[in-house]
Amino acid sequence: METASGYVESVRLHDTVLRMRELMLNGGVALVPQDEDAHELYEGDGRAAHLAWQAFRAVAIEPAYAPIEAWGETVPVRNAGFMFEGVFSAGWPKNPHSARSHAMPEHYELMFTRQFELGDAGDMLGLHFTIFVPAADELRDLQATMFGGEGAAAEINTWLDDVEADPAFRIPMTRHSAERFAFGVDHVG
C-alpha cells in the first residue's frame, strides 16, 4: 500500500529524520550537518521554519513502525502519539564541551514530538522537532501542551490541524520570524 508521500513500505523510526532531511533539501533548505545520518540532530535557518513544519506534517503520517534492533534484539515499534509544547524559555549558555553548542538568549519554543513505543518494556523514542522564535512580549505568557494523534493518519491530521489552530502555534508562526529549527530522534522522557 502506498503512503501519502509515495512510499510503499513502512520505514524505521530513525528513517523519519532522513525523510525530513530529504524534504528540506528538496525544498532548497541548507541543513547542518550536511552529511546523511539517521542518528544526527539537524539544524536549519528559521526562514525555512514553515517548510520544516510542512515536512514534519508529511513525515508525521508516514508509517514508521518496522521493527528495529535495540538491546541486542529485534523489537516491535508502535505509534505512541504526538506531543506539542509551546513555551517561553529564559535561554541557556553555550556548552563549552560541545563544538556545535551555542548560547541561546530568551526565546519561545514550539516543540513537537512524534513518539514511538519500543518493545514491551515501554521504552520510548521520538522524532523531536523544535522551532526557536526570538523573545517578544506577546509570547511571554503564551503556552500550550497538547497530546494526541494516537490513531491512523486521519486522527494524526486532526491533531496537527488542532495544533495549527492553537494560539501557542499560530501567534509565533504568523506574527514572528523564527531564528532556527532543529530535528532528530532521541529518547522521550
Protein backbone atom coordinates (compact mmCIF):
# COMPACT_ATOMS: atom_id res chain seq x y z
CA MET A 1 0.00 0.00 0.00
CA GLU A 2 1.34 3.42 -0.96
CA THR A 3 1.61 6.16 1.71
CA ALA A 4 0.68 9.83 1.21
CA SER A 5 4.34 10.58 0.49
CA GLY A 6 4.58 7.91 -2.20
CA TYR A 7 6.50 5.39 -0.11
CA VAL A 8 5.21 1.85 -0.38
CA GLU A 9 6.56 0.24 2.78
CA SER A 10 6.82 1.20 6.40
CA VAL A 11 10.05 2.89 7.34
CA ARG A 12 12.03 2.50 10.54
CA LEU A 13 11.63 5.25 13.10
CA HIS A 14 15.14 6.66 12.57
CA ASP A 15 14.33 6.97 8.87
CA THR A 16 11.84 9.71 9.81
CA VAL A 17 14.84 12.00 10.33
CA LEU A 18 16.17 11.15 6.89
CA ARG A 19 12.75 11.73 5.31
CA MET A 20 12.52 15.16 6.96
CA ARG A 21 16.07 15.89 5.82
CA GLU A 22 15.19 14.83 2.26
CA LEU A 23 12.09 17.03 2.18
CA MET A 24 14.07 20.00 3.48
CA LEU A 25 16.91 19.54 0.98
CA ASN A 26 14.41 19.11 -1.87
CA GLY A 27 12.93 22.45 -0.77
CA GLY A 28 16.33 24.10 -1.11
CA VAL A 29 16.98 24.39 2.64
CA ALA A 30 20.56 24.09 3.88
CA LEU A 31 20.98 21.90 6.97
CA VAL A 32 23.84 21.46 9.43
CA PRO A 33 25.39 18.96 9.38
CA GLN A 34 25.30 18.24 5.67
CA ASP A 35 26.04 14.51 5.97
CA GLU A 36 23.20 11.97 5.93
CA ASP A 37 22.93 10.24 9.32
CA ALA A 38 19.70 8.93 10.84
CA HIS A 39 21.09 9.48 14.35
CA GLU A 40 22.02 13.14 13.77
CA LEU A 41 20.41 16.33 15.06
CA TYR A 42 19.87 18.63 12.08
CA GLU A 43 19.52 22.41 12.28
CA GLY A 44 18.31 24.95 9.75
CA ASP A 45 17.75 28.67 9.39
CA GLY A 46 14.49 29.99 10.82
CA ARG A 47 13.45 31.46 7.47
CA ALA A 48 12.60 27.87 6.50
CA ALA A 49 10.57 27.12 9.66
CA HIS A 50 7.28 26.95 7.72
CA LEU A 51 8.78 24.48 5.26
CA ALA A 52 10.17 22.46 8.19
CA TRP A 53 6.69 22.36 9.72
CA GLN A 54 5.26 21.08 6.43
CA ALA A 55 7.99 18.42 6.31
CA PHE A 56 7.13 17.34 9.87
CA ARG A 57 3.45 17.14 8.90
CA ALA A 58 4.31 14.94 5.91
CA VAL A 59 6.54 12.63 7.95
CA ALA A 60 4.02 12.50 10.81
CA ILE A 61 1.53 10.44 8.81
CA GLU A 62 4.05 8.05 7.29
CA PRO A 63 4.05 4.57 8.81
CA ALA A 64 7.35 4.17 10.65
CA TYR A 65 6.70 1.00 12.58
CA ALA A 66 9.07 -1.53 11.05
CA PRO A 67 10.85 -3.47 13.84
CA ILE A 68 14.28 -2.18 14.84
CA GLU A 69 17.35 -3.60 16.55
CA ALA A 70 17.55 -2.48 20.19
CA TRP A 71 19.21 -4.05 23.22
CA GLY A 72 20.64 -6.82 21.06
CA GLU A 73 17.28 -7.99 19.72
CA THR A 74 14.62 -7.10 17.17
CA VAL A 75 11.77 -5.21 18.85
CA PRO A 76 8.41 -4.03 17.54
CA VAL A 77 7.71 -0.32 17.15
CA ARG A 78 4.28 1.22 17.80
CA ASN A 79 2.77 4.68 17.45
CA ALA A 80 2.66 6.29 20.90
CA GLY A 81 1.06 9.52 19.75
CA PHE A 82 2.28 13.07 19.47
CA MET A 83 3.05 15.94 21.80
CA PHE A 84 3.22 19.69 21.18
CA GLU A 85 4.55 22.16 23.70
CA GLY A 86 4.71 25.90 23.20
CA VAL A 87 6.65 27.62 25.94
CA PHE A 88 8.75 30.72 26.66
CA SER A 89 12.33 29.92 27.66
CA ALA A 90 14.80 32.00 29.66
CA GLY A 91 17.55 30.63 27.39
CA TRP A 92 20.87 28.97 28.24
CA PRO A 93 24.63 29.47 27.95
CA LYS A 94 26.90 27.78 25.39
CA ASN A 95 28.01 24.29 26.40
CA PRO A 96 31.83 24.52 26.43
CA HIS A 97 32.09 20.74 25.86
CA SER A 98 30.21 20.77 22.55
CA ALA A 99 31.57 22.29 19.35
CA ARG A 100 28.04 22.62 17.91
CA SER A 101 26.51 24.19 21.02
CA HIS A 102 25.67 27.87 21.06
CA ALA A 103 24.25 30.21 23.67
CA MET A 104 20.54 30.84 23.34
CA PRO A 105 19.01 34.05 24.70
CA GLU A 106 15.40 34.32 25.82
CA HIS A 107 13.11 32.82 23.21
CA TYR A 108 9.88 30.98 22.52
CA GLU A 109 9.99 27.28 21.60
CA LEU A 110 7.49 25.30 19.59
CA MET A 111 8.39 21.68 20.39
CA PHE A 112 6.87 18.69 18.62
CA THR A 113 7.50 15.02 19.33
CA ARG A 114 6.30 12.04 17.32
CA GLN A 115 6.51 9.30 19.96
CA PHE A 116 7.34 5.64 19.30
CA GLU A 117 6.98 2.83 21.83
CA LEU A 118 9.66 0.14 21.55
CA GLY A 119 9.16 -3.48 22.56
CA ASP A 120 7.12 -4.45 25.59
CA ALA A 121 9.08 -2.57 28.26
CA GLY A 122 7.55 0.82 27.46
CA ASP A 123 10.77 2.46 26.26
CA MET A 124 10.12 5.46 24.07
CA LEU A 125 11.95 7.22 21.26
CA GLY A 126 10.69 10.27 19.45
CA LEU A 127 11.23 12.36 16.38
CA HIS A 128 11.79 15.75 18.03
CA PHE A 129 11.28 18.94 16.05
CA THR A 130 11.74 22.39 17.60
CA ILE A 131 11.27 25.87 16.20
CA PHE A 132 13.05 28.67 18.07
CA VAL A 133 11.48 32.16 17.91
CA PRO A 134 13.21 35.26 19.39
CA ALA A 135 11.67 36.66 22.58
CA ALA A 136 8.73 39.04 22.28
CA ASP A 137 6.42 40.40 24.96
CA GLU A 138 3.28 38.81 23.47
CA LEU A 139 4.95 35.37 23.67
CA ARG A 140 5.98 35.51 27.35
CA ASP A 141 2.70 34.17 28.77
CA LEU A 142 1.74 32.06 25.77
CA GLN A 143 1.90 28.35 26.43
CA ALA A 144 0.29 25.05 25.48
CA THR A 145 0.73 21.32 25.90
CA MET A 146 -1.26 19.10 23.55
CA PHE A 147 -1.22 15.32 23.21
CA GLY A 148 -2.98 13.27 20.53
CA GLY A 149 -2.63 11.55 17.19
CA GLU A 150 -2.53 8.02 18.55
CA GLY A 151 -4.59 6.55 15.73
CA ALA A 152 -4.41 6.37 11.95
CA ALA A 153 -3.46 9.15 9.52
CA ALA A 154 -6.87 10.89 9.77
CA GLU A 155 -6.55 11.22 13.57
CA ILE A 156 -2.94 12.42 13.23
CA ASN A 157 -4.00 15.05 10.68
CA THR A 158 -6.78 16.23 13.01
CA TRP A 159 -4.25 16.62 15.83
CA LEU A 160 -1.87 18.54 13.52
CA ASP A 161 -4.75 20.83 12.46
CA ASP A 162 -5.66 21.41 16.13
CA VAL A 163 -2.05 22.37 16.88
CA GLU A 164 -2.01 24.85 13.96
CA ALA A 165 -5.21 26.45 15.26
CA ASP A 166 -3.89 26.89 18.81
CA PRO A 167 -2.64 30.41 19.67
CA ALA A 168 0.59 28.92 21.07
CA PHE A 169 1.40 27.81 17.49
CA ARG A 170 -0.47 30.37 15.41
CA ILE A 171 0.85 33.56 17.05
CA PRO A 172 4.59 32.81 16.91
CA MET A 173 4.31 31.23 13.44
CA THR A 174 2.30 34.06 11.85
CA ARG A 175 3.43 37.20 13.69
CA HIS A 176 7.12 36.46 14.30
CA SER A 177 10.16 35.25 12.39
CA ALA A 178 11.82 32.09 13.64
CA GLU A 179 15.54 32.15 14.38
CA ARG A 180 16.21 28.48 13.64
CA PHE A 181 14.78 24.97 13.83
CA ALA A 182 16.18 21.57 14.75
CA PHE A 183 15.07 17.94 14.40
CA GLY A 184 16.31 14.46 15.24
CA VAL A 185 15.42 11.22 17.05
CA ASP A 186 16.10 10.95 20.77
CA HIS A 187 14.75 9.32 23.94
CA VAL A 188 11.41 10.52 25.26
CA GLY A 189 11.08 11.22 28.95
